[in-house]
PDB file of N, CA and C in Angstrom:
ATOM      1  N   MET A   1      70.297 -43.077  87.485  1.00  0.00           N
ATOM      2  CA  MET A   1      71.703 -42.751  87.561  1.00  0.00           C
ATOM      3  C   MET A   1      71.957 -41.728  88.683  1.00  0.00           C
ATOM      4  N   LEU A   2      71.099 -40.728  88.819  1.00  0.00           N
ATOM      5  CA  LEU A   2      71.252 -39.724  89.873  1.00  0.00           C
ATOM      6  C   LEU A   2      71.075 -40.362  91.245  1.00  0.00           C
ATOM      7  N   LYS A   3      70.107 -41.272  91.342  1.00  0.00           N
ATOM      8  CA  LYS A   3      69.864 -41.960  92.607  1.00  0.00           C
ATOM      9  C   LYS A   3      71.090 -42.780  93.013  1.00  0.00           C
ATOM     10  N   LYS A   4      71.706 -43.448  92.046  1.00  0.00           N
ATOM     11  CA  LYS A   4      72.900 -44.237  92.325  1.00  0.00           C
ATOM     12  C   LYS A   4      74.037 -43.317  92.783  1.00  0.00           C
ATOM     13  N   PHE A   5      74.177 -42.169  92.164  1.00  0.00           N
ATOM     14  CA  PHE A   5      75.240 -41.225  92.519  1.00  0.00           C
ATOM     15  C   PHE A   5      75.059 -40.701  93.943  1.00  0.00           C
ATOM     16  N   ILE A   6      73.823 -40.427  94.328  1.00  0.00           N
ATOM     17  CA  ILE A   6      73.546 -39.882  95.657  1.00  0.00           C
ATOM     18  C   ILE A   6      73.824 -40.918  96.748  1.00  0.00           C
ATOM     19  N   TYR A   7      73.446 -42.162  96.512  1.00  0.00           N
ATOM     20  CA  TYR A   7      73.584 -43.187  97.541  1.00  0.00           C
ATOM     21  C   TYR A   7      74.901 -43.946  97.480  1.00  0.00           C
ATOM     22  N   GLU A   8      75.716 -43.656  96.508  1.00  0.00           N
ATOM     23  CA  GLU A   8      77.012 -44.321  96.400  1.00  0.00           C
ATOM     24  C   GLU A   8      77.951 -43.768  97.462  1.00  0.00           C
ATOM     25  N   CYS A   9      78.619 -44.637  98.194  1.00  0.00           N
ATOM     26  CA  CYS A   9      79.502 -44.185  99.263  1.00  0.00           C
ATOM     27  C   CYS A   9      80.887 -44.811  99.152  1.00  0.00           C
ATOM     28  N   ASP A  10      81.346 -45.043  97.930  1.00  0.00           N
ATOM     29  CA  ASP A  10      82.666 -45.643  97.733  1.00  0.00           C
ATOM     30  C   ASP A  10      83.784 -44.704  98.156  1.00  0.00           C
ATOM     31  N   GLY A  11      83.635 -43.406  97.934  1.00  0.00           N
ATOM     32  CA  GLY A  11      84.681 -42.459  98.271  1.00  0.00           C
ATOM     33  C   GLY A  11      84.634 -41.968  99.701  1.00  0.00           C
ATOM     34  N   GLN A  12      83.675 -42.425 100.462  1.00  0.00           N
ATOM     35  CA  GLN A  12      83.510 -41.953 101.835  1.00  0.00           C
ATOM     36  C   GLN A  12      84.717 -42.321 102.692  1.00  0.00           C
ATOM     37  N   ASP A  13      85.250 -43.506 102.525  1.00  0.00           N
ATOM     38  CA  ASP A  13      86.408 -43.929 103.316  1.00  0.00           C
ATOM     39  C   ASP A  13      87.618 -43.050 103.031  1.00  0.00           C
ATOM     40  N   LEU A  14      87.792 -42.677 101.786  1.00  0.00           N
ATOM     41  CA  LEU A  14      88.920 -41.832 101.413  1.00  0.00           C
ATOM     42  C   LEU A  14      88.833 -40.474 102.091  1.00  0.00           C
ATOM     43  N   VAL A  15      87.646 -39.917 102.155  1.00  0.00           N
ATOM     44  CA  VAL A  15      87.458 -38.622 102.817  1.00  0.00           C
ATOM     45  C   VAL A  15      87.730 -38.752 104.314  1.00  0.00           C
ATOM     46  N   GLU A  16      87.267 -39.814 104.916  1.00  0.00           N
ATOM     47  CA  GLU A  16      87.495 -40.020 106.350  1.00  0.00           C
ATOM     48  C   GLU A  16      88.982 -40.176 106.653  1.00  0.00           C
ATOM     49  N   TYR A  17      89.686 -40.932 105.825  1.00  0.00           N
ATOM     50  CA  TYR A  17      91.125 -41.097 106.033  1.00  0.00           C
ATOM     51  C   TYR A  17      91.861 -39.777 105.812  1.00  0.00           C
ATOM     52  N   ALA A  18      91.435 -38.990 104.845  1.00  0.00           N
ATOM     53  CA  ALA A  18      92.066 -37.692 104.604  1.00  0.00           C
ATOM     54  C   ALA A  18      91.867 -36.764 105.800  1.00  0.00           C
ATOM     55  N   LEU A  19      90.678 -36.762 106.379  1.00  0.00           N
ATOM     56  CA  LEU A  19      90.431 -35.949 107.572  1.00  0.00           C
ATOM     57  C   LEU A  19      91.260 -36.442 108.754  1.00  0.00           C
ATOM     58  N   LEU A  20      91.375 -37.737 108.894  1.00  0.00           N
ATOM     59  CA  LEU A  20      92.179 -38.306 109.975  1.00  0.00           C
ATOM     60  C   LEU A  20      93.649 -37.916 109.817  1.00  0.00           C
ATOM     61  N   VAL A  21      94.160 -37.985 108.604  1.00  0.00           N
ATOM     62  CA  VAL A  21      95.550 -37.594 108.348  1.00  0.00           C
ATOM     63  C   VAL A  21      95.746 -36.115 108.640  1.00  0.00           C
ATOM     64  N   ALA A  22      94.768 -35.287 108.275  1.00  0.00           N
ATOM     65  CA  ALA A  22      94.874 -33.848 108.536  1.00  0.00           C
ATOM     66  C   ALA A  22      94.901 -33.562 110.040  1.00  0.00           C
ATOM     67  N   ILE A  23      94.083 -34.255 110.804  1.00  0.00           N
ATOM     68  CA  ILE A  23      94.053 -34.058 112.256  1.00  0.00           C
ATOM     69  C   ILE A  23      95.374 -34.501 112.881  1.00  0.00           C
ATOM     70  N   VAL A  24      95.900 -35.633 112.436  1.00  0.00           N
ATOM     71  CA  VAL A  24      97.180 -36.112 112.957  1.00  0.00           C
ATOM     72  C   VAL A  24      98.297 -35.139 112.593  1.00  0.00           C
ATOM     73  N   ALA A  25      98.265 -34.601 111.388  1.00  0.00           N
ATOM     74  CA  ALA A  25      99.291 -33.653 110.963  1.00  0.00           C
ATOM     75  C   ALA A  25      99.231 -32.377 111.796  1.00  0.00           C
ATOM     76  N   LEU A  26      98.042 -31.871 112.039  1.00  0.00           N
ATOM     77  CA  LEU A  26      97.915 -30.667 112.859  1.00  0.00           C
ATOM     78  C   LEU A  26      98.379 -30.922 114.302  1.00  0.00           C
ATOM     79  N   GLY A  27      98.046 -32.068 114.831  1.00  0.00           N
ATOM     80  CA  GLY A  27      98.506 -32.427 116.170  1.00  0.00           C
ATOM     81  C   GLY A  27     100.015 -32.556 116.233  1.00  0.00           C
ATOM     82  N   SER A  28     100.596 -33.120 115.187  1.00  0.00           N
ATOM     83  CA  SER A  28     102.053 -33.257 115.143  1.00  0.00           C
ATOM     84  C   SER A  28     102.738 -31.904 115.083  1.00  0.00           C
ATOM     85  N   VAL A  29     102.196 -31.006 114.297  1.00  0.00           N
ATOM     86  CA  VAL A  29     102.772 -29.663 114.210  1.00  0.00           C
ATOM     87  C   VAL A  29     102.698 -28.962 115.558  1.00  0.00           C
ATOM     88  N   ALA A  30     101.576 -29.093 116.233  1.00  0.00           N
ATOM     89  CA  ALA A  30     101.435 -28.463 117.555  1.00  0.00           C
ATOM     90  C   ALA A  30     102.417 -29.065 118.554  1.00  0.00           C
ATOM     91  N   ALA A  31     102.561 -30.380 118.544  1.00  0.00           N
ATOM     92  CA  ALA A  31     103.482 -31.036 119.473  1.00  0.00           C
ATOM     93  C   ALA A  31     104.925 -30.666 119.163  1.00  0.00           C
ATOM     94  N   LEU A  32     105.283 -30.643 117.897  1.00  0.00           N
ATOM     95  CA  LEU A  32     106.658 -30.300 117.536  1.00  0.00           C
ATOM     96  C   LEU A  32     106.972 -28.838 117.827  1.00  0.00           C
ATOM     97  N   THR A  33     105.986 -27.982 117.709  1.00  0.00           N
ATOM     98  CA  THR A  33     106.194 -26.571 118.049  1.00  0.00           C
ATOM     99  C   THR A  33     106.484 -26.432 119.543  1.00  0.00           C
ATOM    100  N   ALA A  34     105.738 -27.137 120.362  1.00  0.00           N
ATOM    101  CA  ALA A  34     105.984 -27.097 121.805  1.00  0.00           C
ATOM    102  C   ALA A  34     107.332 -27.732 122.138  1.00  0.00           C
ATOM    103  N   PHE A  35     107.670 -28.804 121.473  1.00  0.00           N
ATOM    104  CA  PHE A  35     108.933 -29.483 121.711  1.00  0.00           C
ATOM    105  C   PHE A  35     110.113 -28.634 121.247  1.00  0.00           C
ATOM    106  N   GLN A  36     109.892 -27.833 120.214  1.00  0.00           N
ATOM    107  CA  GLN A  36     110.966 -27.009 119.675  1.00  0.00           C
ATOM    108  C   GLN A  36     111.468 -26.009 120.703  1.00  0.00           C
ATOM    109  N   SER A  37     110.581 -25.389 121.452  1.00  0.00           N
ATOM    110  CA  SER A  37     111.022 -24.422 122.461  1.00  0.00           C
ATOM    111  C   SER A  37     111.793 -25.108 123.589  1.00  0.00           C
ATOM    112  N   ALA A  38     111.375 -26.296 123.977  1.00  0.00           N
ATOM    113  CA  ALA A  38     112.097 -27.038 125.011  1.00  0.00           C
ATOM    114  C   ALA A  38     113.470 -27.466 124.504  1.00  0.00           C
ATOM    115  N   LEU A  39     113.534 -27.882 123.261  1.00  0.00           N
ATOM    116  CA  LEU A  39     114.809 -28.295 122.683  1.00  0.00           C
ATOM    117  C   LEU A  39     115.762 -27.114 122.528  1.00  0.00           C
ATOM    118  N   THR A  40     115.233 -25.972 122.135  1.00  0.00           N
ATOM    119  CA  THR A  40     116.056 -24.765 122.025  1.00  0.00           C
ATOM    120  C   THR A  40     116.622 -24.375 123.384  1.00  0.00           C
ATOM    121  N   ALA A  41     115.819 -24.457 124.411  1.00  0.00           N
ATOM    122  CA  ALA A  41     116.293 -24.136 125.760  1.00  0.00           C
ATOM    123  C   ALA A  41     117.361 -25.120 126.214  1.00  0.00           C
ATOM    124  N   ALA A  42     117.197 -26.390 125.896  1.00  0.00           N
ATOM    125  CA  ALA A  42     118.191 -27.394 126.279  1.00  0.00           C
ATOM    126  C   ALA A  42     119.515 -27.142 125.565  1.00  0.00           C
ATOM    127  N   TRP A  43     119.457 -26.846 124.271  1.00  0.00           N
ATOM    128  CA  TRP A  43     120.686 -26.559 123.526  1.00  0.00           C
ATOM    129  C   TRP A  43     121.379 -25.307 124.059  1.00  0.00           C
ATOM    130  N   ALA A  44     120.620 -24.311 124.426  1.00  0.00           N
ATOM    131  CA  ALA A  44     121.205 -23.093 124.984  1.00  0.00           C
ATOM    132  C   ALA A  44     121.894 -23.384 126.310  1.00  0.00           C
ATOM    133  N   ALA A  45     121.296 -24.208 127.145  1.00  0.00           N
ATOM    134  CA  ALA A  45     121.905 -24.560 128.427  1.00  0.00           C
ATOM    135  C   ALA A  45     123.187 -25.368 128.207  1.00  0.00           C
ATOM    136  N   ILE A  46     123.157 -26.288 127.271  1.00  0.00           N
ATOM    137  CA  ILE A  46     124.343 -27.081 126.958  1.00  0.00           C
ATOM    138  C   ILE A  46     125.458 -26.168 126.437  1.00  0.00           C
ATOM    139  N   SER A  47     125.090 -25.253 125.567  1.00  0.00           N
ATOM    140  CA  SER A  47     126.072 -24.313 125.008  1.00  0.00           C
ATOM    141  C   SER A  47     126.704 -23.435 126.091  1.00  0.00           C
ATOM    142  N   ARG A  48     125.883 -22.962 127.009  1.00  0.00           N
ATOM    143  CA  ARG A  48     126.401 -22.139 128.118  1.00  0.00           C
ATOM    144  C   ARG A  48     127.369 -22.942 128.985  1.00  0.00           C
ATOM    145  N   ASN A  49     127.011 -24.203 129.264  1.00  0.00           N
ATOM    146  CA  ASN A  49     127.874 -25.035 130.122  1.00  0.00           C
ATOM    147  C   ASN A  49     129.193 -25.380 129.437  1.00  0.00           C
ATOM    148  N   LEU A  50     129.171 -25.565 128.133  1.00  0.00           N
ATOM    149  CA  LEU A  50     130.392 -25.926 127.413  1.00  0.00           C
ATOM    150  C   LEU A  50     131.314 -24.725 127.195  1.00  0.00           C
ATOM    151  N   SER A  51     130.724 -23.536 127.077  1.00  0.00           N
ATOM    152  CA  SER A  51     131.544 -22.368 126.774  1.00  0.00           C
ATOM    153  C   SER A  51     132.205 -21.780 128.023  1.00  0.00           C
ATOM    154  N   GLY A  52     131.755 -22.134 129.148  1.00  0.00           N
ATOM    155  CA  GLY A  52     132.459 -21.543 130.261  1.00  0.00           C
ATOM    156  C   GLY A  52     131.795 -21.779 131.527  1.00  0.00           C
TER     157      GLY A  52
END
């Protein structure tokens, strides 16, 4: 029974997919953080142009 438990790899795919999702999520957060500053600057420029 212990030997079967050690060599069983049914849950391995789930762990790999979870790690992949975590990496994609971290990359998305980094990209959105960088995009947020550019978007804030664009909105500020639009606001300045509309106000006067």
